[in-house]
């Protein structure tokens, strides 16, 4: 389910897939949208 939530972030911010994953490591708004805890790891 989380992989499908990466797609709107990709379109809204017009950034690459790698940048979306990198942003979800540090940006709390990305983590909130992805229903992740602040200390939770993201995909590689």
PDB file of N, CA and C in Angstrom:
ATOM      1  N   UNK A   1       0.820  -1.192   0.000  1.00  0.00           N
ATOM      2  CA  UNK A   1       0.000   0.000   0.000  1.00  0.00           C
ATOM      3  C   UNK A   1       0.865   1.257   0.000  1.00  0.00           C
ATOM      4  N   UNK A   2       1.965   1.186   0.730  1.00  0.00           N
ATOM      5  CA  UNK A   2       2.818   2.366   0.827  1.00  0.00           C
ATOM      6  C   UNK A   2       3.438   2.734  -0.522  1.00  0.00           C
ATOM      7  N   UNK A   3       3.720   1.730  -1.330  1.00  0.00           N
ATOM      8  CA  UNK A   3       4.307   2.020  -2.642  1.00  0.00           C
ATOM      9  C   UNK A   3       3.354   2.829  -3.515  1.00  0.00           C
ATOM     10  N   UNK A   4       2.055   2.584  -3.384  1.00  0.00           N
ATOM     11  CA  UNK A   4       1.087   3.357  -4.147  1.00  0.00           C
ATOM     12  C   UNK A   4       0.977   4.791  -3.636  1.00  0.00           C
ATOM     13  N   UNK A   5       1.297   5.018  -2.386  1.00  0.00           N
ATOM     14  CA  UNK A   5       1.261   6.369  -1.838  1.00  0.00           C
ATOM     15  C   UNK A   5       2.466   7.195  -2.299  1.00  0.00           C
ATOM     16  N   UNK A   6       3.502   6.527  -2.755  1.00  0.00           N
ATOM     17  CA  UNK A   6       4.649   7.264  -3.297  1.00  0.00           C
ATOM     18  C   UNK A   6       4.297   7.946  -4.623  1.00  0.00           C
ATOM     19  N   UNK A   7       3.375   7.376  -5.362  1.00  0.00           N
ATOM     20  CA  UNK A   7       3.031   7.922  -6.677  1.00  0.00           C
ATOM     21  C   UNK A   7       2.468   9.338  -6.621  1.00  0.00           C
ATOM     22  N   UNK A   8       1.487   9.653  -5.744  1.00  0.00           N
ATOM     23  CA  UNK A   8       1.016  11.046  -5.703  1.00  0.00           C
ATOM     24  C   UNK A   8       2.098  12.025  -5.283  1.00  0.00           C
ATOM     25  N   UNK A   9       2.994  11.608  -4.389  1.00  0.00           N
ATOM     26  CA  UNK A   9       4.098  12.489  -4.008  1.00  0.00           C
ATOM     27  C   UNK A   9       4.989  12.773  -5.207  1.00  0.00           C
ATOM     28  N   UNK A  10       5.169  11.764  -6.023  1.00  0.00           N
ATOM     29  CA  UNK A  10       5.982  11.901  -7.226  1.00  0.00           C
ATOM     30  C   UNK A  10       5.361  12.909  -8.193  1.00  0.00           C
ATOM     31  N   UNK A  11       4.056  12.879  -8.319  1.00  0.00           N
ATOM     32  CA  UNK A  11       3.363  13.768  -9.255  1.00  0.00           C
ATOM     33  C   UNK A  11       3.224  15.181  -8.687  1.00  0.00           C
ATOM     34  N   UNK A  12       2.863  15.282  -7.410  1.00  0.00           N
ATOM     35  CA  UNK A  12       2.627  16.593  -6.797  1.00  0.00           C
ATOM     36  C   UNK A  12       3.898  17.428  -6.774  1.00  0.00           C
ATOM     37  N   UNK A  13       4.987  16.821  -6.368  1.00  0.00           N
ATOM     38  CA  UNK A  13       6.248  17.569  -6.240  1.00  0.00           C
ATOM     39  C   UNK A  13       7.113  17.505  -7.494  1.00  0.00           C
ATOM     40  N   UNK A  14       6.666  16.772  -8.502  1.00  0.00           N
ATOM     41  CA  UNK A  14       7.391  16.597  -9.776  1.00  0.00           C
ATOM     42  C   UNK A  14       8.883  16.303  -9.545  1.00  0.00           C
ATOM     43  N   UNK A  15       9.130  15.296  -8.731  1.00  0.00           N
ATOM     44  CA  UNK A  15      10.495  14.860  -8.458  1.00  0.00           C
ATOM     45  C   UNK A  15      10.604  13.379  -8.818  1.00  0.00           C
ATOM     46  N   UNK A  16      11.818  12.916  -8.924  1.00  0.00           N
ATOM     47  CA  UNK A  16      12.046  11.528  -9.331  1.00  0.00           C
ATOM     48  C   UNK A  16      11.706  10.565  -8.196  1.00  0.00           C
ATOM     49  N   UNK A  17      11.681   9.296  -8.527  1.00  0.00           N
ATOM     50  CA  UNK A  17      11.390   8.260  -7.533  1.00  0.00           C
ATOM     51  C   UNK A  17      12.443   8.247  -6.435  1.00  0.00           C
ATOM     52  N   UNK A  18      13.676   8.414  -6.831  1.00  0.00           N
ATOM     53  CA  UNK A  18      14.772   8.418  -5.862  1.00  0.00           C
ATOM     54  C   UNK A  18      14.630   9.605  -4.916  1.00  0.00           C
ATOM     55  N   UNK A  19      14.241  10.752  -5.438  1.00  0.00           N
ATOM     56  CA  UNK A  19      14.063  11.937  -4.601  1.00  0.00           C
ATOM     57  C   UNK A  19      12.872  11.801  -3.658  1.00  0.00           C
ATOM     58  N   UNK A  20      11.832  11.098  -4.077  1.00  0.00           N
ATOM     59  CA  UNK A  20      10.689  10.858  -3.198  1.00  0.00           C
ATOM     60  C   UNK A  20      11.110   9.985  -2.018  1.00  0.00           C
ATOM     61  N   UNK A  21      11.863   8.941  -2.284  1.00  0.00           N
ATOM     62  CA  UNK A  21      12.330   8.069  -1.210  1.00  0.00           C
ATOM     63  C   UNK A  21      13.287   8.834  -0.306  1.00  0.00           C
ATOM     64  N   UNK A  22      14.172   9.614  -0.878  1.00  0.00           N
ATOM     65  CA  UNK A  22      15.106  10.402  -0.085  1.00  0.00           C
ATOM     66  C   UNK A  22      14.365  11.435   0.757  1.00  0.00           C
ATOM     67  N   UNK A  23      13.341  12.058   0.176  1.00  0.00           N
ATOM     68  CA  UNK A  23      12.542  13.021   0.928  1.00  0.00           C
ATOM     69  C   UNK A  23      11.771  12.383   2.055  1.00  0.00           C
ATOM     70  N   UNK A  24      11.347  11.155   1.871  1.00  0.00           N
ATOM     71  CA  UNK A  24      10.594  10.481   2.929  1.00  0.00           C
ATOM     72  C   UNK A  24      11.481  10.062   4.088  1.00  0.00           C
ATOM     73  N   UNK A  25      12.772  10.127   3.916  1.00  0.00           N
ATOM     74  CA  UNK A  25      13.673   9.860   5.040  1.00  0.00           C
ATOM     75  C   UNK A  25      13.738  11.037   5.997  1.00  0.00           C
ATOM     76  N   UNK A  26      13.625  12.256   5.474  1.00  0.00           N
ATOM     77  CA  UNK A  26      13.857  13.448   6.277  1.00  0.00           C
ATOM     78  C   UNK A  26      12.640  14.351   6.418  1.00  0.00           C
ATOM     79  N   UNK A  27      11.752  14.365   5.451  1.00  0.00           N
ATOM     80  CA  UNK A  27      10.625  15.293   5.456  1.00  0.00           C
ATOM     81  C   UNK A  27       9.458  14.682   6.231  1.00  0.00           C
ATOM     82  N   UNK A  28       9.071  15.348   7.304  1.00  0.00           N
ATOM     83  CA  UNK A  28       8.002  14.813   8.147  1.00  0.00           C
ATOM     84  C   UNK A  28       6.643  14.865   7.443  1.00  0.00           C
ATOM     85  N   UNK A  29       6.448  15.776   6.521  1.00  0.00           N
ATOM     86  CA  UNK A  29       5.175  15.804   5.795  1.00  0.00           C
ATOM     87  C   UNK A  29       5.049  14.575   4.894  1.00  0.00           C
ATOM     88  N   UNK A  30       6.144  14.118   4.319  1.00  0.00           N
ATOM     89  CA  UNK A  30       6.127  12.884   3.529  1.00  0.00           C
ATOM     90  C   UNK A  30       5.806  11.699   4.432  1.00  0.00           C
ATOM     91  N   UNK A  31       6.450  11.647   5.596  1.00  0.00           N
ATOM     92  CA  UNK A  31       6.213  10.530   6.510  1.00  0.00           C
ATOM     93  C   UNK A  31       4.773  10.530   7.006  1.00  0.00           C
ATOM     94  N   UNK A  32       4.217  11.698   7.259  1.00  0.00           N
ATOM     95  CA  UNK A  32       2.828  11.769   7.707  1.00  0.00           C
ATOM     96  C   UNK A  32       1.894  11.263   6.615  1.00  0.00           C
ATOM     97  N   UNK A  33       2.140  11.671   5.382  1.00  0.00           N
ATOM     98  CA  UNK A  33       1.308  11.221   4.270  1.00  0.00           C
ATOM     99  C   UNK A  33       1.415   9.716   4.060  1.00  0.00           C
ATOM    100  N   UNK A  34       2.579   9.161   4.294  1.00  0.00           N
ATOM    101  CA  UNK A  34       2.808   7.730   4.117  1.00  0.00           C
ATOM    102  C   UNK A  34       2.429   6.910   5.345  1.00  0.00           C
ATOM    103  N   UNK A  35       1.871   7.541   6.371  1.00  0.00           N
ATOM    104  CA  UNK A  35       1.490   6.880   7.624  1.00  0.00           C
ATOM    105  C   UNK A  35       2.665   6.162   8.261  1.00  0.00           C
ATOM    106  N   UNK A  36       3.785   6.868   8.348  1.00  0.00           N
ATOM    107  CA  UNK A  36       4.994   6.298   8.936  1.00  0.00           C
ATOM    108  C   UNK A  36       5.300   6.995  10.252  1.00  0.00           C
ATOM    109  N   UNK A  37       5.923   6.266  11.147  1.00  0.00           N
ATOM    110  CA  UNK A  37       6.428   6.862  12.373  1.00  0.00           C
ATOM    111  C   UNK A  37       7.712   7.623  12.052  1.00  0.00           C
ATOM    112  N   UNK A  38       8.048   8.643  12.835  1.00  0.00           N
ATOM    113  CA  UNK A  38       9.268   9.415  12.537  1.00  0.00           C
ATOM    114  C   UNK A  38      10.538   8.573  12.506  1.00  0.00           C
ATOM    115  N   UNK A  39      10.620   7.541  13.353  1.00  0.00           N
ATOM    116  CA  UNK A  39      11.837   6.730  13.395  1.00  0.00           C
ATOM    117  C   UNK A  39      11.788   5.518  12.477  1.00  0.00           C
ATOM    118  N   UNK A  40      10.723   5.366  11.720  1.00  0.00           N
ATOM    119  CA  UNK A  40      10.580   4.206  10.838  1.00  0.00           C
ATOM    120  C   UNK A  40      11.470   4.337   9.600  1.00  0.00           C
ATOM    121  N   UNK A  41      12.027   3.223   9.161  1.00  0.00           N
ATOM    122  CA  UNK A  41      12.902   3.213   7.996  1.00  0.00           C
ATOM    123  C   UNK A  41      12.086   3.199   6.715  1.00  0.00           C
ATOM    124  N   UNK A  42      12.657   3.723   5.655  1.00  0.00           N
ATOM    125  CA  UNK A  42      12.013   3.723   4.346  1.00  0.00           C
ATOM    126  C   UNK A  42      12.632   2.639   3.463  1.00  0.00           C
ATOM    127  N   UNK A  43      12.042   2.435   2.311  1.00  0.00           N
ATOM    128  CA  UNK A  43      12.544   1.422   1.399  1.00  0.00           C
ATOM    129  C   UNK A  43      13.891   1.844   0.831  1.00  0.00           C
ATOM    130  N   UNK A  44      14.678   0.904   0.378  1.00  0.00           N
ATOM    131  CA  UNK A  44      15.979   1.194  -0.232  1.00  0.00           C
ATOM    132  C   UNK A  44      15.835   1.384  -1.715  1.00  0.00           C
TER     133      UNK A  44
END
